[in-house]
Amino acid sequence: MRLSRLFVPFLLAATVATGAACNNNSTDTSSTSTTTTSPSTAFTVTETFSGTLTTNSAQSYSFSASTSGTVYLTLTTLTDAVNSGTTTPPVGISMGTWNGTACAVQTGIFSDEAGAGASIGGTVPSAGTLCVRIYDSRSRVTDPLNYTLTVTHP
């Protein structure tokens, strides 16, 4: 007797569940399927850094990538701060990893001949702290140059 009392709640729940699962009154003959799709593009962040570059100087900026993916650096603007409209000399831009003190540039992810609109890219294998750098690559900067760097990263 005691054993049958323990099974009554389970038997009752099973009967209710079975009855709820069957719906013989339905006349709907359409079928519904759900498909999960992943986004066609990964989530990216765009950061902008601006400053002034002088003779033989360099500036580094660090940022955090939240996951693996492609990182792009673009020298968005480069203008002469003294003589507006003057053609600017090429400068260097690079990407690397931030070691807490400096921008450690990876082999091949740099351009020593960058002008306004120049872009470089690379792939980061996992989340981490990265950096970009702009520099007077060959002591060609005579007047101070105003610049804007744009970085797009995961």
C-alpha atoms as a PDB file:
ATOM      1  CA  MET A   1       0.000   0.000   0.000  1.00  0.00           C
ATOM      2  CA  ARG A   2       2.722   2.345   0.902  1.00  0.00           C
ATOM      3  CA  LEU A   3       4.577   1.687  -2.382  1.00  0.00           C
ATOM      4  CA  SER A   4       1.475   2.454  -4.464  1.00  0.00           C
ATOM      5  CA  ARG A   5       1.073   5.816  -2.704  1.00  0.00           C
ATOM      6  CA  LEU A   6       4.574   6.779  -3.771  1.00  0.00           C
ATOM      7  CA  PHE A   7       3.819   6.023  -7.421  1.00  0.00           C
ATOM      8  CA  VAL A   8       0.469   7.818  -7.560  1.00  0.00           C
ATOM      9  CA  PRO A   9       1.968  11.312  -7.945  1.00  0.00           C
ATOM     10  CA  PHE A  10       4.337  10.067 -10.669  1.00  0.00           C
ATOM     11  CA  LEU A  11       1.551   8.201 -12.442  1.00  0.00           C
ATOM     12  CA  LEU A  12      -0.681  11.273 -12.282  1.00  0.00           C
ATOM     13  CA  ALA A  13       2.126  13.523 -13.615  1.00  0.00           C
ATOM     14  CA  ALA A  14       2.850  11.076 -16.433  1.00  0.00           C
ATOM     15  CA  THR A  15      -0.827  10.975 -17.414  1.00  0.00           C
ATOM     16  CA  VAL A  16      -1.075  14.767 -17.477  1.00  0.00           C
ATOM     17  CA  ALA A  17       2.123  15.062 -19.496  1.00  0.00           C
ATOM     18  CA  THR A  18       0.976  12.460 -22.007  1.00  0.00           C
ATOM     19  CA  GLY A  19      -2.409  14.125 -22.385  1.00  0.00           C
ATOM     20  CA  ALA A  20      -0.812  17.521 -22.872  1.00  0.00           C
ATOM     21  CA  ALA A  21       1.538  16.171 -25.513  1.00  0.00           C
ATOM     22  CA  CYS A  22      -1.301  14.764 -27.627  1.00  0.00           C
ATOM     23  CA  ASN A  23      -3.617  17.176 -29.342  1.00  0.00           C
ATOM     24  CA  ASN A  24      -6.000  15.295 -31.587  1.00  0.00           C
ATOM     25  CA  ASN A  25      -8.139  18.378 -32.199  1.00  0.00           C
ATOM     26  CA  SER A  26      -5.513  20.191 -34.246  1.00  0.00           C
ATOM     27  CA  THR A  27      -6.148  20.703 -37.967  1.00  0.00           C
ATOM     28  CA  ASP A  28      -2.814  22.456 -38.591  1.00  0.00           C
ATOM     29  CA  THR A  29      -0.768  20.441 -41.090  1.00  0.00           C
ATOM     30  CA  SER A  30       2.140  22.862 -41.448  1.00  0.00           C
ATOM     31  CA  SER A  31       5.474  22.015 -39.947  1.00  0.00           C
ATOM     32  CA  THR A  32       7.725  24.472 -38.200  1.00  0.00           C
ATOM     33  CA  SER A  33      11.480  24.235 -37.960  1.00  0.00           C
ATOM     34  CA  THR A  34      13.927  26.477 -36.188  1.00  0.00           C
ATOM     35  CA  THR A  35      17.337  27.198 -37.647  1.00  0.00           C
ATOM     36  CA  THR A  36      20.043  28.959 -35.736  1.00  0.00           C
ATOM     37  CA  THR A  37      22.445  30.951 -37.864  1.00  0.00           C
ATOM     38  CA  SER A  38      25.635  32.613 -36.839  1.00  0.00           C
ATOM     39  CA  PRO A  39      26.208  36.229 -37.784  1.00  0.00           C
ATOM     40  CA  SER A  40      27.996  36.762 -41.090  1.00  0.00           C
ATOM     41  CA  THR A  41      30.393  39.272 -39.550  1.00  0.00           C
ATOM     42  CA  ALA A  42      32.167  39.181 -36.227  1.00  0.00           C
ATOM     43  CA  PHE A  43      31.672  41.876 -33.635  1.00  0.00           C
ATOM     44  CA  THR A  44      34.336  44.574 -34.044  1.00  0.00           C
ATOM     45  CA  VAL A  45      35.405  47.629 -32.122  1.00  0.00           C
ATOM     46  CA  THR A  46      36.779  50.796 -33.736  1.00  0.00           C
ATOM     47  CA  GLU A  47      39.153  53.006 -31.783  1.00  0.00           C
ATOM     48  CA  THR A  48      40.688  56.314 -32.828  1.00  0.00           C
ATOM     49  CA  PHE A  49      43.987  57.788 -31.638  1.00  0.00           C
ATOM     50  CA  SER A  50      45.233  61.279 -32.519  1.00  0.00           C
ATOM     51  CA  GLY A  51      48.358  63.262 -31.830  1.00  0.00           C
ATOM     52  CA  THR A  52      51.324  65.125 -33.257  1.00  0.00           C
ATOM     53  CA  LEU A  53      54.477  63.502 -34.604  1.00  0.00           C
ATOM     54  CA  THR A  54      57.752  65.457 -34.527  1.00  0.00           C
ATOM     55  CA  THR A  55      61.238  64.781 -35.891  1.00  0.00           C
ATOM     56  CA  ASN A  56      62.561  61.358 -34.797  1.00  0.00           C
ATOM     57  CA  SER A  57      59.612  60.780 -32.454  1.00  0.00           C
ATOM     58  CA  ALA A  58      57.144  57.941 -32.018  1.00  0.00           C
ATOM     59  CA  GLN A  59      53.835  57.370 -30.244  1.00  0.00           C
ATOM     60  CA  SER A  60      52.318  54.045 -29.151  1.00  0.00           C
ATOM     61  CA  TYR A  61      48.734  53.270 -28.166  1.00  0.00           C
ATOM     62  CA  SER A  62      47.524  50.093 -26.479  1.00  0.00           C
ATOM     63  CA  PHE A  63      44.084  48.470 -26.748  1.00  0.00           C
ATOM     64  CA  SER A  64      42.464  45.157 -25.836  1.00  0.00           C
ATOM     65  CA  ALA A  65      41.177  42.577 -28.301  1.00  0.00           C
ATOM     66  CA  SER A  66      38.392  40.551 -26.706  1.00  0.00           C
ATOM     67  CA  THR A  67      38.834  37.471 -28.910  1.00  0.00           C
ATOM     68  CA  SER A  68      40.725  36.151 -31.920  1.00  0.00           C
ATOM     69  CA  GLY A  69      40.260  37.850 -35.274  1.00  0.00           C
ATOM     70  CA  THR A  70      41.636  40.384 -37.704  1.00  0.00           C
ATOM     71  CA  VAL A  71      43.039  43.743 -36.645  1.00  0.00           C
ATOM     72  CA  TYR A  72      43.360  46.668 -39.073  1.00  0.00           C
ATOM     73  CA  LEU A  73      45.305  49.881 -38.578  1.00  0.00           C
ATOM     74  CA  THR A  74      44.653  52.835 -40.864  1.00  0.00           C
ATOM     75  CA  LEU A  75      46.527  56.117 -40.917  1.00  0.00           C
ATOM     76  CA  THR A  76      43.312  58.072 -41.424  1.00  0.00           C
ATOM     77  CA  THR A  77      44.801  61.565 -41.585  1.00  0.00           C
ATOM     78  CA  LEU A  78      48.305  62.998 -41.787  1.00  0.00           C
ATOM     79  CA  THR A  79      48.672  66.783 -42.138  1.00  0.00           C
ATOM     80  CA  ASP A  80      51.430  69.329 -41.704  1.00  0.00           C
ATOM     81  CA  ALA A  81      50.723  71.259 -38.489  1.00  0.00           C
ATOM     82  CA  VAL A  82      52.675  74.345 -39.617  1.00  0.00           C
ATOM     83  CA  ASN A  83      52.095  74.652 -43.358  1.00  0.00           C
ATOM     84  CA  SER A  84      48.558  73.606 -44.190  1.00  0.00           C
ATOM     85  CA  GLY A  85      48.284  72.028 -47.619  1.00  0.00           C
ATOM     86  CA  THR A  86      51.955  70.970 -47.727  1.00  0.00           C
ATOM     87  CA  THR A  87      52.667  67.413 -48.848  1.00  0.00           C
ATOM     88  CA  THR A  88      53.665  65.342 -45.840  1.00  0.00           C
ATOM     89  CA  PRO A  89      56.584  62.922 -45.850  1.00  0.00           C
ATOM     90  CA  PRO A  90      55.860  59.206 -45.380  1.00  0.00           C
ATOM     91  CA  VAL A  91      55.934  57.940 -41.808  1.00  0.00           C
ATOM     92  CA  GLY A  92      56.001  54.523 -40.206  1.00  0.00           C
ATOM     93  CA  ILE A  93      53.022  52.657 -38.759  1.00  0.00           C
ATOM     94  CA  SER A  94      53.116  49.277 -37.041  1.00  0.00           C
ATOM     95  CA  MET A  95      51.118  46.832 -34.937  1.00  0.00           C
ATOM     96  CA  GLY A  96      52.308  44.542 -32.172  1.00  0.00           C
ATOM     97  CA  THR A  97      51.721  43.358 -28.637  1.00  0.00           C
ATOM     98  CA  TRP A  98      51.808  45.610 -25.610  1.00  0.00           C
ATOM     99  CA  ASN A  99      54.249  44.294 -23.004  1.00  0.00           C
ATOM    100  CA  GLY A 100      53.208  46.803 -20.335  1.00  0.00           C
ATOM    101  CA  THR A 101      55.927  49.285 -21.246  1.00  0.00           C
ATOM    102  CA  ALA A 102      56.365  49.345 -25.002  1.00  0.00           C
ATOM    103  CA  CYS A 103      54.855  48.212 -28.282  1.00  0.00           C
ATOM    104  CA  ALA A 104      56.665  45.026 -29.359  1.00  0.00           C
ATOM    105  CA  VAL A 105      56.245  45.017 -33.136  1.00  0.00           C
ATOM    106  CA  GLN A 106      55.751  41.688 -34.822  1.00  0.00           C
ATOM    107  CA  THR A 107      57.781  40.921 -37.931  1.00  0.00           C
ATOM    108  CA  GLY A 108      56.019  41.984 -41.095  1.00  0.00           C
ATOM    109  CA  ILE A 109      53.226  44.061 -39.560  1.00  0.00           C
ATOM    110  CA  PHE A 110      54.575  47.494 -40.340  1.00  0.00           C
ATOM    111  CA  SER A 111      55.024  50.024 -43.092  1.00  0.00           C
ATOM    112  CA  ASP A 112      57.859  52.561 -43.110  1.00  0.00           C
ATOM    113  CA  GLU A 113      56.348  54.381 -46.128  1.00  0.00           C
ATOM    114  CA  ALA A 114      52.821  55.207 -44.933  1.00  0.00           C
ATOM    115  CA  GLY A 115      50.868  58.252 -45.983  1.00  0.00           C
ATOM    116  CA  ALA A 116      47.292  59.302 -45.258  1.00  0.00           C
ATOM    117  CA  GLY A 117      44.961  56.418 -46.063  1.00  0.00           C
ATOM    118  CA  ALA A 118      47.616  53.692 -45.652  1.00  0.00           C
ATOM    119  CA  SER A 119      46.429  50.538 -43.918  1.00  0.00           C
ATOM    120  CA  ILE A 120      47.984  47.366 -42.505  1.00  0.00           C
ATOM    121  CA  GLY A 121      46.350  44.295 -41.013  1.00  0.00           C
ATOM    122  CA  GLY A 122      47.106  41.176 -39.067  1.00  0.00           C
ATOM    123  CA  THR A 123      45.446  38.308 -37.244  1.00  0.00           C
ATOM    124  CA  VAL A 124      45.391  37.906 -33.494  1.00  0.00           C
ATOM    125  CA  PRO A 125      45.043  34.260 -32.330  1.00  0.00           C
ATOM    126  CA  SER A 126      43.335  35.051 -29.016  1.00  0.00           C
ATOM    127  CA  ALA A 127      42.286  37.842 -26.687  1.00  0.00           C
ATOM    128  CA  GLY A 128      45.079  40.083 -25.508  1.00  0.00           C
ATOM    129  CA  THR A 129      46.556  43.544 -25.197  1.00  0.00           C
ATOM    130  CA  LEU A 130      47.798  44.853 -28.523  1.00  0.00           C
ATOM    131  CA  CYS A 131      49.275  48.130 -29.683  1.00  0.00           C
ATOM    132  CA  VAL A 132      49.779  50.382 -32.668  1.00  0.00           C
ATOM    133  CA  ARG A 133      52.655  52.731 -33.247  1.00  0.00           C
ATOM    134  CA  ILE A 134      53.358  55.724 -35.481  1.00  0.00           C
ATOM    135  CA  TYR A 135      56.931  56.928 -35.938  1.00  0.00           C
ATOM    136  CA  ASP A 136      59.270  59.082 -38.008  1.00  0.00           C
ATOM    137  CA  SER A 137      60.750  56.158 -39.904  1.00  0.00           C
ATOM    138  CA  ARG A 138      63.672  57.845 -41.631  1.00  0.00           C
ATOM    139  CA  SER A 139      64.043  61.260 -39.979  1.00  0.00           C
ATOM    140  CA  ARG A 140      61.983  62.880 -42.730  1.00  0.00           C
ATOM    141  CA  VAL A 141      59.567  64.783 -40.507  1.00  0.00           C
ATOM    142  CA  THR A 142      60.616  68.446 -40.412  1.00  0.00           C
ATOM    143  CA  ASP A 143      57.391  70.222 -39.424  1.00  0.00           C
ATOM    144  CA  PRO A 144      55.175  68.616 -36.764  1.00  0.00           C
ATOM    145  CA  LEU A 145      52.545  66.329 -38.334  1.00  0.00           C
ATOM    146  CA  ASN A 146      49.036  65.943 -36.957  1.00  0.00           C
ATOM    147  CA  TYR A 147      47.689  62.421 -37.383  1.00  0.00           C
ATOM    148  CA  THR A 148      44.701  60.241 -36.694  1.00  0.00           C
ATOM    149  CA  LEU A 149      45.004  56.457 -36.434  1.00  0.00           C
ATOM    150  CA  THR A 150      41.946  54.209 -36.663  1.00  0.00           C
ATOM    151  CA  VAL A 151      42.094  50.668 -35.327  1.00  0.00           C
ATOM    152  CA  THR A 152      39.410  48.054 -35.949  1.00  0.00           C
ATOM    153  CA  HIS A 153      39.670  44.895 -33.858  1.00  0.00           C
ATOM    154  CA  PRO A 154      37.662  42.050 -32.303  1.00  0.00           C
END
